[in-house]
């Protein structure tokens, strides 16, 4: 299978994630769309690593996966705190987090 197809799939996934971040207002959906964008970047990194025949892209993809896991932990903690304190769930209406 040609590697260009993987890059096209990565671009499509990234576009869906970017559109979700720009259109949606729910913080949980925005977090999921950011994860889509990170996974699309991982797919592109692994594709380029395979194209050049080295493992550098795979190492960078592992680092991105660690950053994504940390982002999910912090993001979900903030979202749970927002729901518990009955703060507005709309990102546009949210001005500050009080705790």
PDB file of N, CA and C in Angstrom:
ATOM      1  N   UNK A   1       0.844  -1.175   0.000  1.00  0.00           N
ATOM      2  CA  UNK A   1       0.000   0.000   0.000  1.00  0.00           C
ATOM      3  C   UNK A   1       0.891   1.239   0.000  1.00  0.00           C
ATOM      4  N   UNK A   2       0.520   2.216  -0.790  1.00  0.00           N
ATOM      5  CA  UNK A   2       1.305   3.427  -0.935  1.00  0.00           C
ATOM      6  C   UNK A   2       1.190   4.289   0.334  1.00  0.00           C
ATOM      7  N   UNK A   3       2.300   4.919   0.715  1.00  0.00           N
ATOM      8  CA  UNK A   3       2.317   5.711   1.943  1.00  0.00           C
ATOM      9  C   UNK A   3       1.541   7.011   1.818  1.00  0.00           C
ATOM     10  N   UNK A   4       1.251   7.439   0.605  1.00  0.00           N
ATOM     11  CA  UNK A   4       0.482   8.669   0.397  1.00  0.00           C
ATOM     12  C   UNK A   4      -0.927   8.519   0.957  1.00  0.00           C
ATOM     13  N   UNK A   5      -1.465   7.312   0.910  1.00  0.00           N
ATOM     14  CA  UNK A   5      -2.809   7.091   1.445  1.00  0.00           C
ATOM     15  C   UNK A   5      -2.850   7.304   2.951  1.00  0.00           C
ATOM     16  N   UNK A   6      -1.780   6.925   3.632  1.00  0.00           N
ATOM     17  CA  UNK A   6      -1.728   7.166   5.074  1.00  0.00           C
ATOM     18  C   UNK A   6      -1.701   8.662   5.382  1.00  0.00           C
ATOM     19  N   UNK A   7      -0.967   9.413   4.560  1.00  0.00           N
ATOM     20  CA  UNK A   7      -0.934  10.862   4.763  1.00  0.00           C
ATOM     21  C   UNK A   7      -2.279  11.503   4.453  1.00  0.00           C
ATOM     22  N   UNK A   8      -2.976  10.996   3.446  1.00  0.00           N
ATOM     23  CA  UNK A   8      -4.318  11.512   3.151  1.00  0.00           C
ATOM     24  C   UNK A   8      -5.285  11.207   4.296  1.00  0.00           C
ATOM     25  N   UNK A   9      -5.193  10.007   4.852  1.00  0.00           N
ATOM     26  CA  UNK A   9      -6.025   9.651   6.004  1.00  0.00           C
ATOM     27  C   UNK A   9      -5.684  10.528   7.206  1.00  0.00           C
ATOM     28  N   UNK A  10      -4.398  10.786   7.412  1.00  0.00           N
ATOM     29  CA  UNK A  10      -3.977  11.646   8.504  1.00  0.00           C
ATOM     30  C   UNK A  10      -4.511  13.068   8.324  1.00  0.00           C
ATOM     31  N   UNK A  11      -4.474  13.578   7.109  1.00  0.00           N
ATOM     32  CA  UNK A  11      -5.003  14.920   6.841  1.00  0.00           C
ATOM     33  C   UNK A  11      -6.508  14.976   7.059  1.00  0.00           C
ATOM     34  N   UNK A  12      -7.203  13.926   6.668  1.00  0.00           N
ATOM     35  CA  UNK A  12      -8.656  13.897   6.855  1.00  0.00           C
ATOM     36  C   UNK A  12      -9.021  13.847   8.343  1.00  0.00           C
ATOM     37  N   UNK A  13      -8.321  13.026   9.107  1.00  0.00           N
ATOM     38  CA  UNK A  13      -8.591  12.932  10.546  1.00  0.00           C
ATOM     39  C   UNK A  13      -8.268  14.258  11.227  1.00  0.00           C
ATOM     40  N   UNK A  14      -7.152  14.875  10.822  1.00  0.00           N
ATOM     41  CA  UNK A  14      -6.786  16.160  11.408  1.00  0.00           C
ATOM     42  C   UNK A  14      -7.825  17.223  11.071  1.00  0.00           C
ATOM     43  N   UNK A  15      -8.348  17.201   9.860  1.00  0.00           N
ATOM     44  CA  UNK A  15      -9.364  18.185   9.459  1.00  0.00           C
ATOM     45  C   UNK A  15     -10.650  18.012  10.263  1.00  0.00           C
ATOM     46  N   UNK A  16     -11.056  16.774  10.491  1.00  0.00           N
ATOM     47  CA  UNK A  16     -12.248  16.522  11.303  1.00  0.00           C
ATOM     48  C   UNK A  16     -12.032  17.029  12.728  1.00  0.00           C
ATOM     49  N   UNK A  17     -10.855  16.776  13.290  1.00  0.00           N
ATOM     50  CA  UNK A  17     -10.555  17.249  14.635  1.00  0.00           C
ATOM     51  C   UNK A  17     -10.513  18.766  14.718  1.00  0.00           C
ATOM     52  N   UNK A  18      -9.897  19.418  13.729  1.00  0.00           N
ATOM     53  CA  UNK A  18      -9.827  20.881  13.732  1.00  0.00           C
ATOM     54  C   UNK A  18     -11.205  21.499  13.581  1.00  0.00           C
ATOM     55  N   UNK A  19     -12.032  20.905  12.741  1.00  0.00           N
ATOM     56  CA  UNK A  19     -13.403  21.414  12.584  1.00  0.00           C
ATOM     57  C   UNK A  19     -14.185  21.243  13.887  1.00  0.00           C
ATOM     58  N   UNK A  20     -13.983  20.153  14.580  1.00  0.00           N
ATOM     59  CA  UNK A  20     -14.660  19.935  15.855  1.00  0.00           C
ATOM     60  C   UNK A  20     -14.233  20.931  16.914  1.00  0.00           C
ATOM     61  N   UNK A  21     -12.947  21.266  16.944  1.00  0.00           N
ATOM     62  CA  UNK A  21     -12.464  22.251  17.910  1.00  0.00           C
ATOM     63  C   UNK A  21     -13.051  23.622  17.612  1.00  0.00           C
ATOM     64  N   UNK A  22     -13.147  23.972  16.344  1.00  0.00           N
ATOM     65  CA  UNK A  22     -13.636  25.304  15.972  1.00  0.00           C
ATOM     66  C   UNK A  22     -15.148  25.438  16.084  1.00  0.00           C
ATOM     67  N   UNK A  23     -15.888  24.355  15.902  1.00  0.00           N
ATOM     68  CA  UNK A  23     -17.347  24.436  15.851  1.00  0.00           C
ATOM     69  C   UNK A  23     -17.982  24.152  17.206  1.00  0.00           C
ATOM     70  N   UNK A  24     -17.521  23.150  17.908  1.00  0.00           N
ATOM     71  CA  UNK A  24     -18.183  22.700  19.128  1.00  0.00           C
ATOM     72  C   UNK A  24     -17.904  23.638  20.301  1.00  0.00           C
ATOM     73  N   UNK A  25     -18.813  23.617  21.285  1.00  0.00           N
ATOM     74  CA  UNK A  25     -18.662  24.461  22.461  1.00  0.00           C
ATOM     75  C   UNK A  25     -18.550  23.671  23.750  1.00  0.00           C
ATOM     76  N   UNK A  26     -18.812  22.386  23.706  1.00  0.00           N
ATOM     77  CA  UNK A  26     -18.709  21.539  24.884  1.00  0.00           C
ATOM     78  C   UNK A  26     -17.229  21.201  25.120  1.00  0.00           C
ATOM     79  N   UNK A  27     -16.713  21.432  26.340  1.00  0.00           N
ATOM     80  CA  UNK A  27     -15.286  21.185  26.571  1.00  0.00           C
ATOM     81  C   UNK A  27     -14.879  19.722  26.408  1.00  0.00           C
ATOM     82  N   UNK A  28     -15.770  18.784  26.693  1.00  0.00           N
ATOM     83  CA  UNK A  28     -15.440  17.374  26.526  1.00  0.00           C
ATOM     84  C   UNK A  28     -15.271  17.022  25.048  1.00  0.00           C
ATOM     85  N   UNK A  29     -16.133  17.557  24.206  1.00  0.00           N
ATOM     86  CA  UNK A  29     -16.034  17.302  22.764  1.00  0.00           C
ATOM     87  C   UNK A  29     -14.779  17.959  22.201  1.00  0.00           C
ATOM     88  N   UNK A  30     -14.447  19.143  22.699  1.00  0.00           N
ATOM     89  CA  UNK A  30     -13.219  19.814  22.253  1.00  0.00           C
ATOM     90  C   UNK A  30     -12.002  18.975  22.634  1.00  0.00           C
ATOM     91  N   UNK A  31     -12.014  18.396  23.834  1.00  0.00           N
ATOM     92  CA  UNK A  31     -10.914  17.539  24.266  1.00  0.00           C
ATOM     93  C   UNK A  31     -10.791  16.303  23.374  1.00  0.00           C
ATOM     94  N   UNK A  32     -11.906  15.708  23.005  1.00  0.00           N
ATOM     95  CA  UNK A  32     -11.874  14.543  22.114  1.00  0.00           C
ATOM     96  C   UNK A  32     -11.367  14.920  20.722  1.00  0.00           C
ATOM     97  N   UNK A  33     -11.750  16.094  20.245  1.00  0.00           N
ATOM     98  CA  UNK A  33     -11.274  16.537  18.933  1.00  0.00           C
ATOM     99  C   UNK A  33      -9.776  16.835  18.953  1.00  0.00           C
ATOM    100  N   UNK A  34      -9.278  17.343  20.077  1.00  0.00           N
ATOM    101  CA  UNK A  34      -7.831  17.536  20.206  1.00  0.00           C
ATOM    102  C   UNK A  34      -7.100  16.200  20.170  1.00  0.00           C
ATOM    103  N   UNK A  35      -7.690  15.184  20.768  1.00  0.00           N
ATOM    104  CA  UNK A  35      -7.101  13.850  20.711  1.00  0.00           C
ATOM    105  C   UNK A  35      -7.067  13.321  19.276  1.00  0.00           C
ATOM    106  N   UNK A  36      -8.126  13.597  18.522  1.00  0.00           N
ATOM    107  CA  UNK A  36      -8.124  13.208  17.105  1.00  0.00           C
ATOM    108  C   UNK A  36      -6.980  13.883  16.358  1.00  0.00           C
ATOM    109  N   UNK A  37      -6.769  15.162  16.630  1.00  0.00           N
ATOM    110  CA  UNK A  37      -5.698  15.887  15.960  1.00  0.00           C
ATOM    111  C   UNK A  37      -4.326  15.324  16.338  1.00  0.00           C
ATOM    112  N   UNK A  38      -4.134  14.965  17.605  1.00  0.00           N
ATOM    113  CA  UNK A  38      -2.862  14.378  18.017  1.00  0.00           C
ATOM    114  C   UNK A  38      -2.643  13.008  17.377  1.00  0.00           C
ATOM    115  N   UNK A  39      -3.702  12.211  17.272  1.00  0.00           N
ATOM    116  CA  UNK A  39      -3.568  10.907  16.623  1.00  0.00           C
ATOM    117  C   UNK A  39      -3.268  11.043  15.135  1.00  0.00           C
ATOM    118  N   UNK A  40      -3.836  12.055  14.497  1.00  0.00           N
ATOM    119  CA  UNK A  40      -3.518  12.299  13.089  1.00  0.00           C
ATOM    120  C   UNK A  40      -2.054  12.689  12.937  1.00  0.00           C
ATOM    121  N   UNK A  41      -1.555  13.487  13.864  1.00  0.00           N
ATOM    122  CA  UNK A  41      -0.131  13.833  13.833  1.00  0.00           C
ATOM    123  C   UNK A  41       0.749  12.618  14.046  1.00  0.00           C
ATOM    124  N   UNK A  42       0.332  11.723  14.931  1.00  0.00           N
ATOM    125  CA  UNK A  42       1.083  10.478  15.147  1.00  0.00           C
ATOM    126  C   UNK A  42       1.129   9.629  13.886  1.00  0.00           C
ATOM    127  N   UNK A  43       0.011   9.536  13.208  1.00  0.00           N
ATOM    128  CA  UNK A  43      -0.031   8.752  11.968  1.00  0.00           C
ATOM    129  C   UNK A  43       0.904   9.345  10.919  1.00  0.00           C
ATOM    130  N   UNK A  44       0.929  10.665  10.827  1.00  0.00           N
ATOM    131  CA  UNK A  44       1.833  11.313   9.871  1.00  0.00           C
ATOM    132  C   UNK A  44       3.299  11.100  10.262  1.00  0.00           C
ATOM    133  N   UNK A  45       3.600  11.194  11.555  1.00  0.00           N
ATOM    134  CA  UNK A  45       4.975  10.967  12.004  1.00  0.00           C
ATOM    135  C   UNK A  45       5.444   9.550  11.683  1.00  0.00           C
ATOM    136  N   UNK A  46       4.601   8.575  11.935  1.00  0.00           N
ATOM    137  CA  UNK A  46       4.977   7.187  11.666  1.00  0.00           C
ATOM    138  C   UNK A  46       5.096   6.946  10.166  1.00  0.00           C
ATOM    139  N   UNK A  47       4.240   7.595   9.390  1.00  0.00           N
ATOM    140  CA  UNK A  47       4.328   7.453   7.934  1.00  0.00           C
ATOM    141  C   UNK A  47       5.641   8.015   7.408  1.00  0.00           C
ATOM    142  N   UNK A  48       6.028   9.198   7.884  1.00  0.00           N
ATOM    143  CA  UNK A  48       7.288   9.788   7.436  1.00  0.00           C
ATOM    144  C   UNK A  48       8.487   8.972   7.909  1.00  0.00           C
ATOM    145  N   UNK A  49       8.407   8.392   9.106  1.00  0.00           N
ATOM    146  CA  UNK A  49       9.487   7.537   9.582  1.00  0.00           C
ATOM    147  C   UNK A  49       9.620   6.295   8.714  1.00  0.00           C
ATOM    148  N   UNK A  50       8.497   5.756   8.314  1.00  0.00           N
ATOM    149  CA  UNK A  50       8.535   4.572   7.448  1.00  0.00           C
ATOM    150  C   UNK A  50       9.053   4.933   6.059  1.00  0.00           C
ATOM    151  N   UNK A  51       8.711   6.139   5.602  1.00  0.00           N
ATOM    152  CA  UNK A  51       9.152   6.584   4.282  1.00  0.00           C
ATOM    153  C   UNK A  51      10.674   6.727   4.236  1.00  0.00           C
ATOM    154  N   UNK A  52      11.252   7.229   5.332  1.00  0.00           N
ATOM    155  CA  UNK A  52      12.697   7.443   5.363  1.00  0.00           C
ATOM    156  C   UNK A  52      13.461   6.243   5.899  1.00  0.00           C
ATOM    157  N   UNK A  53      12.775   5.264   6.442  1.00  0.00           N
ATOM    158  CA  UNK A  53      13.429   4.033   6.868  1.00  0.00           C
ATOM    159  C   UNK A  53      14.115   4.109   8.221  1.00  0.00           C
ATOM    160  N   UNK A  54      13.723   5.056   9.071  1.00  0.00           N
ATOM    161  CA  UNK A  54      14.313   5.102  10.412  1.00  0.00           C
ATOM    162  C   UNK A  54      13.210   5.129  11.462  1.00  0.00           C
ATOM    163  N   UNK A  55      13.591   5.059  12.720  1.00  0.00           N
ATOM    164  CA  UNK A  55      12.600   4.975  13.789  1.00  0.00           C
ATOM    165  C   UNK A  55      12.381   6.268  14.542  1.00  0.00           C
ATOM    166  N   UNK A  56      12.906   7.389  14.031  1.00  0.00           N
ATOM    167  CA  UNK A  56      12.772   8.650  14.748  1.00  0.00           C
ATOM    168  C   UNK A  56      11.316   9.090  14.875  1.00  0.00           C
ATOM    169  N   UNK A  57      10.529   8.916  13.842  1.00  0.00           N
ATOM    170  CA  UNK A  57       9.124   9.300  13.893  1.00  0.00           C
ATOM    171  C   UNK A  57       8.337   8.483  14.901  1.00  0.00           C
ATOM    172  N   UNK A  58       8.715   7.222  15.057  1.00  0.00           N
ATOM    173  CA  UNK A  58       8.031   6.383  16.037  1.00  0.00           C
ATOM    174  C   UNK A  58       8.354   6.826  17.460  1.00  0.00           C
ATOM    175  N   UNK A  59       9.576   7.277  17.684  1.00  0.00           N
ATOM    176  CA  UNK A  59       9.944   7.784  19.011  1.00  0.00           C
ATOM    177  C   UNK A  59       9.172   9.058  19.307  1.00  0.00           C
ATOM    178  N   UNK A  60       9.082   9.952  18.328  1.00  0.00           N
ATOM    179  CA  UNK A  60       8.317  11.185  18.520  1.00  0.00           C
ATOM    180  C   UNK A  60       6.837  10.879  18.739  1.00  0.00           C
ATOM    181  N   UNK A  61       6.313   9.867  18.056  1.00  0.00           N
ATOM    182  CA  UNK A  61       4.910   9.490  18.240  1.00  0.00           C
ATOM    183  C   UNK A  61       4.671   8.985  19.662  1.00  0.00           C
ATOM    184  N   UNK A  62       5.627   8.250  20.222  1.00  0.00           N
ATOM    185  CA  UNK A  62       5.489   7.802  21.615  1.00  0.00           C
ATOM    186  C   UNK A  62       5.495   8.986  22.581  1.00  0.00           C
ATOM    187  N   UNK A  63       6.334   9.982  22.300  1.00  0.00           N
ATOM    188  CA  UNK A  63       6.363  11.179  23.143  1.00  0.00           C
ATOM    189  C   UNK A  63       5.032  11.920  23.052  1.00  0.00           C
ATOM    190  N   UNK A  64       4.474  12.014  21.852  1.00  0.00           N
ATOM    191  CA  UNK A  64       3.177  12.669  21.678  1.00  0.00           C
ATOM    192  C   UNK A  64       2.090  11.908  22.413  1.00  0.00           C
ATOM    193  N   UNK A  65       2.158  10.585  22.426  1.00  0.00           N
ATOM    194  CA  UNK A  65       1.166   9.791  23.152  1.00  0.00           C
ATOM    195  C   UNK A  65       1.254  10.035  24.667  1.00  0.00           C
ATOM    196  N   UNK A  66       2.466  10.218  25.187  1.00  0.00           N
ATOM    197  CA  UNK A  66       2.628  10.521  26.614  1.00  0.00           C
ATOM    198  C   UNK A  66       2.046  11.899  26.924  1.00  0.00           C
ATOM    199  N   UNK A  67       2.312  12.873  26.058  1.00  0.00           N
ATOM    200  CA  UNK A  67       1.759  14.216  26.247  1.00  0.00           C
ATOM    201  C   UNK A  67       0.233  14.182  26.161  1.00  0.00           C
ATOM    202  N   UNK A  68      -0.304  13.385  25.246  1.00  0.00           N
ATOM    203  CA  UNK A  68      -1.756  13.276  25.103  1.00  0.00           C
ATOM    204  C   UNK A  68      -2.379  12.646  26.351  1.00  0.00           C
ATOM    205  N   UNK A  69      -1.714  11.657  26.929  1.00  0.00           N
ATOM    206  CA  UNK A  69      -2.242  11.044  28.147  1.00  0.00           C
ATOM    207  C   UNK A  69      -2.248  12.041  29.297  1.00  0.00           C
ATOM    208  N   UNK A  70      -1.200  12.842  29.412  1.00  0.00           N
ATOM    209  CA  UNK A  70      -1.162  13.873  30.467  1.00  0.00           C
ATOM    210  C   UNK A  70      -2.238  14.922  30.228  1.00  0.00           C
ATOM    211  N   UNK A  71      -2.446  15.284  28.972  1.00  0.00           N
ATOM    212  CA  UNK A  71      -3.472  16.273  28.646  1.00  0.00           C
ATOM    213  C   UNK A  71      -4.863  15.761  29.002  1.00  0.00           C
ATOM    214  N   UNK A  72      -5.116  14.500  28.772  1.00  0.00           N
ATOM    215  CA  UNK A  72      -6.422  13.917  29.099  1.00  0.00           C
ATOM    216  C   UNK A  72      -6.640  13.926  30.606  1.00  0.00           C
ATOM    217  N   UNK A  73      -5.623  13.594  31.374  1.00  0.00           N
ATOM    218  CA  UNK A  73      -5.765  13.570  32.829  1.00  0.00           C
ATOM    219  C   UNK A  73      -6.086  14.965  33.359  1.00  0.00           C
ATOM    220  N   UNK A  74      -5.348  15.960  32.919  1.00  0.00           N
ATOM    221  CA  UNK A  74      -5.583  17.325  33.392  1.00  0.00           C
ATOM    222  C   UNK A  74      -6.911  17.859  32.863  1.00  0.00           C
ATOM    223  N   UNK A  75      -7.178  17.636  31.597  1.00  0.00           N
ATOM    224  CA  UNK A  75      -8.412  18.136  30.995  1.00  0.00           C
ATOM    225  C   UNK A  75      -9.658  17.530  31.607  1.00  0.00           C
ATOM    226  N   UNK A  76      -9.645  16.232  31.823  1.00  0.00           N
ATOM    227  CA  UNK A  76     -10.816  15.600  32.443  1.00  0.00           C
ATOM    228  C   UNK A  76     -10.990  16.038  33.891  1.00  0.00           C
ATOM    229  N   UNK A  77      -9.877  16.288  34.582  1.00  0.00           N
ATOM    230  CA  UNK A  77      -9.981  16.807  35.943  1.00  0.00           C
ATOM    231  C   UNK A  77     -10.640  18.182  35.973  1.00  0.00           C
ATOM    232  N   UNK A  78     -10.271  19.031  35.046  1.00  0.00           N
ATOM    233  CA  UNK A  78     -10.879  20.368  34.970  1.00  0.00           C
ATOM    234  C   UNK A  78     -12.354  20.262  34.594  1.00  0.00           C
ATOM    235  N   UNK A  79     -12.680  19.398  33.659  1.00  0.00           N
ATOM    236  CA  UNK A  79     -14.070  19.251  33.227  1.00  0.00           C
ATOM    237  C   UNK A  79     -14.941  18.694  34.357  1.00  0.00           C
ATOM    238  N   UNK A  80     -14.420  17.715  35.105  1.00  0.00           N
ATOM    239  CA  UNK A  80     -15.180  17.169  36.238  1.00  0.00           C
ATOM    240  C   UNK A  80     -15.377  18.247  37.301  1.00  0.00           C
ATOM    241  N   UNK A  81     -14.351  19.057  37.551  1.00  0.00           N
ATOM    242  CA  UNK A  81     -14.490  20.149  38.522  1.00  0.00           C
ATOM    243  C   UNK A  81     -15.528  21.168  38.056  1.00  0.00           C
ATOM    244  N   UNK A  82     -15.595  21.415  36.759  1.00  0.00           N
ATOM    245  CA  UNK A  82     -16.590  22.348  36.224  1.00  0.00           C
ATOM    246  C   UNK A  82     -17.996  21.803  36.429  1.00  0.00           C
ATOM    247  N   UNK A  83     -18.199  20.529  36.158  1.00  0.00           N
ATOM    248  CA  UNK A  83     -19.530  19.941  36.325  1.00  0.00           C
ATOM    249  C   UNK A  83     -19.945  19.890  37.786  1.00  0.00           C
ATOM    250  N   UNK A  84     -19.002  19.632  38.681  1.00  0.00           N
ATOM    251  CA  UNK A  84     -19.326  19.567  40.114  1.00  0.00           C
ATOM    252  C   UNK A  84     -19.701  20.938  40.672  1.00  0.00           C
ATOM    253  N   UNK A  85     -19.018  21.976  40.195  1.00  0.00           N
ATOM    254  CA  UNK A  85     -19.278  23.329  40.700  1.00  0.00           C
ATOM    255  C   UNK A  85     -20.359  24.049  39.910  1.00  0.00           C
ATOM    256  N   UNK A  86     -20.977  23.349  38.982  1.00  0.00           N
ATOM    257  CA  UNK A  86     -22.057  23.893  38.166  1.00  0.00           C
ATOM    258  C   UNK A  86     -21.646  25.147  37.405  1.00  0.00           C
ATOM    259  N   UNK A  87     -20.420  25.158  36.934  1.00  0.00           N
ATOM    260  CA  UNK A  87     -19.933  26.248  36.093  1.00  0.00           C
ATOM    261  C   UNK A  87     -20.492  26.025  34.691  1.00  0.00           C
ATOM    262  N   UNK A  88     -20.684  27.106  33.956  1.00  0.00           N
ATOM    263  CA  UNK A  88     -21.252  27.014  32.609  1.00  0.00           C
ATOM    264  C   UNK A  88     -20.438  26.049  31.751  1.00  0.00           C
ATOM    265  N   UNK A  89     -21.144  25.179  31.047  1.00  0.00           N
ATOM    266  CA  UNK A  89     -20.481  24.162  30.242  1.00  0.00           C
ATOM    267  C   UNK A  89     -20.129  24.662  28.848  1.00  0.00           C
ATOM    268  N   UNK A  90     -20.613  25.833  28.497  1.00  0.00           N
ATOM    269  CA  UNK A  90     -20.318  26.427  27.203  1.00  0.00           C
ATOM    270  C   UNK A  90     -18.965  27.129  27.289  1.00  0.00           C
ATOM    271  N   UNK A  91     -18.067  26.809  26.390  1.00  0.00           N
ATOM    272  CA  UNK A  91     -16.726  27.358  26.435  1.00  0.00           C
ATOM    273  C   UNK A  91     -16.744  28.863  26.222  1.00  0.00           C
ATOM    274  N   UNK A  92     -17.659  29.363  25.410  1.00  0.00           N
ATOM    275  CA  UNK A  92     -17.718  30.798  25.157  1.00  0.00           C
ATOM    276  C   UNK A  92     -18.190  31.581  26.379  1.00  0.00           C
ATOM    277  N   UNK A  93     -19.021  30.985  27.227  1.00  0.00           N
ATOM    278  CA  UNK A  93     -19.531  31.669  28.405  1.00  0.00           C
ATOM    279  C   UNK A  93     -18.598  31.547  29.612  1.00  0.00           C
ATOM    280  N   UNK A  94     -17.654  30.669  29.546  1.00  0.00           N
ATOM    281  CA  UNK A  94     -16.764  30.411  30.671  1.00  0.00           C
ATOM    282  C   UNK A  94     -15.684  31.499  30.737  1.00  0.00           C
ATOM    283  N   UNK A  95     -15.639  32.220  31.842  1.00  0.00           N
ATOM    284  CA  UNK A  95     -14.661  33.290  31.949  1.00  0.00           C
ATOM    285  C   UNK A  95     -13.491  32.892  32.835  1.00  0.00           C
ATOM    286  N   UNK A  96     -13.740  32.184  33.912  1.00  0.00           N
ATOM    287  CA  UNK A  96     -12.655  31.764  34.795  1.00  0.00           C
ATOM    288  C   UNK A  96     -13.116  30.567  35.622  1.00  0.00           C
ATOM    289  N   UNK A  97     -12.153  29.819  36.094  1.00  0.00           N
ATOM    290  CA  UNK A  97     -12.452  28.691  36.974  1.00  0.00           C
ATOM    291  C   UNK A  97     -12.222  29.141  38.403  1.00  0.00           C
ATOM    292  N   UNK A  98     -13.204  28.941  39.237  1.00  0.00           N
ATOM    293  CA  UNK A  98     -13.078  29.308  40.653  1.00  0.00           C
ATOM    294  C   UNK A  98     -13.031  28.020  41.465  1.00  0.00           C
ATOM    295  N   UNK A  99     -12.171  27.953  42.423  1.00  0.00           N
ATOM    296  CA  UNK A  99     -12.101  26.716  43.169  1.00  0.00           C
ATOM    297  C   UNK A  99     -11.873  26.955  44.544  1.00  0.00           C
TER     298      UNK A  99
END
